[in-house]
Amino acid sequence: METITLHIGRSVIVDGRQQDNLRPVQFEGELIGSRREFTDERGTRGVDQSLYRTADGRLIVYVENWSRWQGEPTTSKLVQVQPADLDAGGPYELLGRACGMARALSLDEALGEEAP
């Protein structure tokens, strides 16, 4: 395990200057995996999610909602999750899949899903 430092809070660029309201969080743990999702067609906004296992066994997701547009904030937070949150149907299923922690869908689950 290593010492991990993350920053939570809000950051925004206004008139070419960056204004940060970020606080460092430090813990012993390991990065399991991460994923990026773009939320616009140009790839200038998105969400990064990283999954960590702490030294005491907790699963933590670091969520960063980011924008490359001046005046739009980038926000970051930590969320403690359970394995079910990373599995099929969970709020962090795609992160769980990226980290090899989500099971395959059953045929009934897949047939009940709408096509993307």
C-alpha atoms as a PDB file:
ATOM      1  CA  MET A   1       0.000   0.000   0.000  1.00  0.00           C
ATOM      2  CA  GLU A   2       1.107   3.534  -0.630  1.00  0.00           C
ATOM      3  CA  THR A   3       0.186   6.978   0.652  1.00  0.00           C
ATOM      4  CA  ILE A   4      -2.411   8.472  -1.681  1.00  0.00           C
ATOM      5  CA  THR A   5      -3.266  12.172  -1.752  1.00  0.00           C
ATOM      6  CA  LEU A   6      -6.422  13.365  -3.499  1.00  0.00           C
ATOM      7  CA  HIS A   7      -8.088  16.768  -3.559  1.00  0.00           C
ATOM      8  CA  ILE A   8     -11.800  17.299  -2.970  1.00  0.00           C
ATOM      9  CA  GLY A   9     -13.837  20.417  -3.533  1.00  0.00           C
ATOM     10  CA  ARG A  10     -14.236  22.868  -6.392  1.00  0.00           C
ATOM     11  CA  SER A  11     -11.921  24.610  -8.828  1.00  0.00           C
ATOM     12  CA  VAL A  12     -12.790  27.115 -11.556  1.00  0.00           C
ATOM     13  CA  ILE A  13     -10.915  29.352 -14.015  1.00  0.00           C
ATOM     14  CA  VAL A  14     -12.224  32.921 -14.108  1.00  0.00           C
ATOM     15  CA  ASP A  15     -10.615  35.623 -16.251  1.00  0.00           C
ATOM     16  CA  GLY A  16      -7.637  33.356 -16.863  1.00  0.00           C
ATOM     17  CA  ARG A  17      -6.990  32.776 -13.146  1.00  0.00           C
ATOM     18  CA  GLN A  18      -7.637  29.527 -11.362  1.00  0.00           C
ATOM     19  CA  GLN A  19      -9.589  29.745  -8.123  1.00  0.00           C
ATOM     20  CA  ASP A  20      -9.360  26.653  -5.949  1.00  0.00           C
ATOM     21  CA  ASN A  21     -11.436  25.633  -2.991  1.00  0.00           C
ATOM     22  CA  LEU A  22      -9.763  22.252  -2.731  1.00  0.00           C
ATOM     23  CA  ARG A  23      -8.815  20.289   0.367  1.00  0.00           C
ATOM     24  CA  PRO A  24      -6.262  17.458   0.361  1.00  0.00           C
ATOM     25  CA  VAL A  25      -7.262  14.036   1.633  1.00  0.00           C
ATOM     26  CA  GLN A  26      -4.523  11.542   2.441  1.00  0.00           C
ATOM     27  CA  PHE A  27      -4.824   7.817   3.166  1.00  0.00           C
ATOM     28  CA  GLU A  28      -2.993   4.515   2.800  1.00  0.00           C
ATOM     29  CA  GLY A  29      -4.349   2.417  -0.035  1.00  0.00           C
ATOM     30  CA  GLU A  30      -4.044   1.235  -3.603  1.00  0.00           C
ATOM     31  CA  LEU A  31      -5.578   2.267  -6.904  1.00  0.00           C
ATOM     32  CA  ILE A  32      -7.629  -0.585  -8.343  1.00  0.00           C
ATOM     33  CA  GLY A  33      -8.634   1.099 -11.607  1.00  0.00           C
ATOM     34  CA  SER A  34     -10.297   4.060 -13.253  1.00  0.00           C
ATOM     35  CA  ARG A  35     -12.475   5.173 -16.159  1.00  0.00           C
ATOM     36  CA  ARG A  36     -13.318   8.367 -18.054  1.00  0.00           C
ATOM     37  CA  GLU A  37     -16.653   9.289 -19.593  1.00  0.00           C
ATOM     38  CA  PHE A  38     -17.120  12.309 -21.832  1.00  0.00           C
ATOM     39  CA  THR A  39     -20.395  14.133 -21.262  1.00  0.00           C
ATOM     40  CA  ASP A  40     -20.379  16.204 -24.455  1.00  0.00           C
ATOM     41  CA  GLU A  41     -19.633  15.473 -28.108  1.00  0.00           C
ATOM     42  CA  ARG A  42     -16.456  17.559 -28.216  1.00  0.00           C
ATOM     43  CA  GLY A  43     -14.765  15.888 -25.260  1.00  0.00           C
ATOM     44  CA  THR A  44     -14.502  19.129 -23.294  1.00  0.00           C
ATOM     45  CA  ARG A  45     -16.577  17.962 -20.317  1.00  0.00           C
ATOM     46  CA  GLY A  46     -16.595  14.672 -18.513  1.00  0.00           C
ATOM     47  CA  VAL A  47     -16.403  12.537 -15.407  1.00  0.00           C
ATOM     48  CA  ASP A  48     -13.382  10.614 -14.174  1.00  0.00           C
ATOM     49  CA  GLN A  49     -13.892   7.867 -11.611  1.00  0.00           C
ATOM     50  CA  SER A  50     -11.108   6.050  -9.761  1.00  0.00           C
ATOM     51  CA  LEU A  51     -11.554   3.122  -7.387  1.00  0.00           C
ATOM     52  CA  TYR A  52      -9.284   2.732  -4.359  1.00  0.00           C
ATOM     53  CA  ARG A  53      -9.009   0.071  -1.669  1.00  0.00           C
ATOM     54  CA  THR A  54      -7.864   1.561   1.632  1.00  0.00           C
ATOM     55  CA  ALA A  55      -5.476  -0.156   4.032  1.00  0.00           C
ATOM     56  CA  ASP A  56      -8.443  -0.975   6.286  1.00  0.00           C
ATOM     57  CA  GLY A  57     -10.334  -2.611   3.374  1.00  0.00           C
ATOM     58  CA  ARG A  58     -12.830   0.103   2.454  1.00  0.00           C
ATOM     59  CA  LEU A  59     -13.677   0.745  -1.206  1.00  0.00           C
ATOM     60  CA  ILE A  60     -13.550   4.434  -2.116  1.00  0.00           C
ATOM     61  CA  VAL A  61     -14.502   6.080  -5.415  1.00  0.00           C
ATOM     62  CA  TYR A  62     -12.908   9.404  -6.318  1.00  0.00           C
ATOM     63  CA  VAL A  63     -15.304  11.239  -8.654  1.00  0.00           C
ATOM     64  CA  GLU A  64     -14.132  14.264 -10.621  1.00  0.00           C
ATOM     65  CA  ASN A  65     -16.668  16.140 -12.778  1.00  0.00           C
ATOM     66  CA  TRP A  66     -14.506  18.288 -15.036  1.00  0.00           C
ATOM     67  CA  SER A  67     -14.858  20.945 -17.700  1.00  0.00           C
ATOM     68  CA  ARG A  68     -12.273  22.553 -19.927  1.00  0.00           C
ATOM     69  CA  TRP A  69     -14.468  25.655 -20.307  1.00  0.00           C
ATOM     70  CA  GLN A  70     -13.530  28.877 -18.532  1.00  0.00           C
ATOM     71  CA  GLY A  71     -16.103  29.733 -15.864  1.00  0.00           C
ATOM     72  CA  GLU A  72     -17.342  26.144 -15.521  1.00  0.00           C
ATOM     73  CA  PRO A  73     -16.190  24.448 -12.318  1.00  0.00           C
ATOM     74  CA  THR A  74     -14.426  21.160 -11.842  1.00  0.00           C
ATOM     75  CA  THR A  75     -15.687  19.406  -8.719  1.00  0.00           C
ATOM     76  CA  SER A  76     -14.313  16.365  -6.944  1.00  0.00           C
ATOM     77  CA  LYS A  77     -15.538  14.173  -4.101  1.00  0.00           C
ATOM     78  CA  LEU A  78     -14.979  10.831  -2.381  1.00  0.00           C
ATOM     79  CA  VAL A  79     -17.717   8.205  -2.057  1.00  0.00           C
ATOM     80  CA  GLN A  80     -17.492   5.049   0.027  1.00  0.00           C
ATOM     81  CA  VAL A  81     -19.054   2.139  -1.887  1.00  0.00           C
ATOM     82  CA  GLN A  82     -19.905  -1.506  -1.361  1.00  0.00           C
ATOM     83  CA  PRO A  83     -19.107  -4.291  -3.856  1.00  0.00           C
ATOM     84  CA  ALA A  84     -22.779  -4.301  -4.951  1.00  0.00           C
ATOM     85  CA  ASP A  85     -22.400  -0.652  -6.058  1.00  0.00           C
ATOM     86  CA  LEU A  86     -19.745  -1.819  -8.560  1.00  0.00           C
ATOM     87  CA  ASP A  87     -21.741  -4.786  -9.841  1.00  0.00           C
ATOM     88  CA  ALA A  88     -24.459  -5.101 -12.493  1.00  0.00           C
ATOM     89  CA  GLY A  89     -27.184  -2.541 -11.828  1.00  0.00           C
ATOM     90  CA  GLY A  90     -25.120  -0.600  -9.283  1.00  0.00           C
ATOM     91  CA  PRO A  91     -24.485   3.141  -9.508  1.00  0.00           C
ATOM     92  CA  TYR A  92     -20.789   2.534 -10.304  1.00  0.00           C
ATOM     93  CA  GLU A  93     -21.260  -0.530 -12.539  1.00  0.00           C
ATOM     94  CA  LEU A  94     -19.155   0.829 -15.411  1.00  0.00           C
ATOM     95  CA  LEU A  95     -16.284   1.551 -13.036  1.00  0.00           C
ATOM     96  CA  GLY A  96     -16.690  -1.951 -11.614  1.00  0.00           C
ATOM     97  CA  ARG A  97     -16.491  -3.343 -15.146  1.00  0.00           C
ATOM     98  CA  ALA A  98     -13.335  -1.322 -15.856  1.00  0.00           C
ATOM     99  CA  CYS A  99     -11.821  -2.800 -12.688  1.00  0.00           C
ATOM    100  CA  GLY A 100     -12.935  -6.397 -13.374  1.00  0.00           C
ATOM    101  CA  MET A 101     -15.354  -6.412 -10.439  1.00  0.00           C
ATOM    102  CA  ALA A 102     -18.767  -6.609 -12.169  1.00  0.00           C
ATOM    103  CA  ARG A 103     -20.356  -9.881 -13.175  1.00  0.00           C
ATOM    104  CA  ALA A 104     -21.707 -10.525 -16.660  1.00  0.00           C
ATOM    105  CA  LEU A 105     -25.381  -9.752 -17.195  1.00  0.00           C
ATOM    106  CA  SER A 106     -27.811 -12.633 -17.336  1.00  0.00           C
ATOM    107  CA  LEU A 107     -29.700 -13.103 -20.593  1.00  0.00           C
ATOM    108  CA  ASP A 108     -32.907 -11.800 -18.938  1.00  0.00           C
ATOM    109  CA  GLU A 109     -31.087  -8.689 -17.682  1.00  0.00           C
ATOM    110  CA  ALA A 110     -29.643  -8.031 -21.155  1.00  0.00           C
ATOM    111  CA  LEU A 111     -32.990  -8.519 -22.887  1.00  0.00           C
ATOM    112  CA  GLY A 112     -34.643  -6.138 -20.447  1.00  0.00           C
ATOM    113  CA  GLU A 113     -32.131  -3.375 -21.187  1.00  0.00           C
ATOM    114  CA  GLU A 114     -32.729  -0.647 -23.740  1.00  0.00           C
ATOM    115  CA  ALA A 115     -30.167  -0.480 -26.517  1.00  0.00           C
ATOM    116  CA  PRO A 116     -27.637   2.370 -26.082  1.00  0.00           C
END
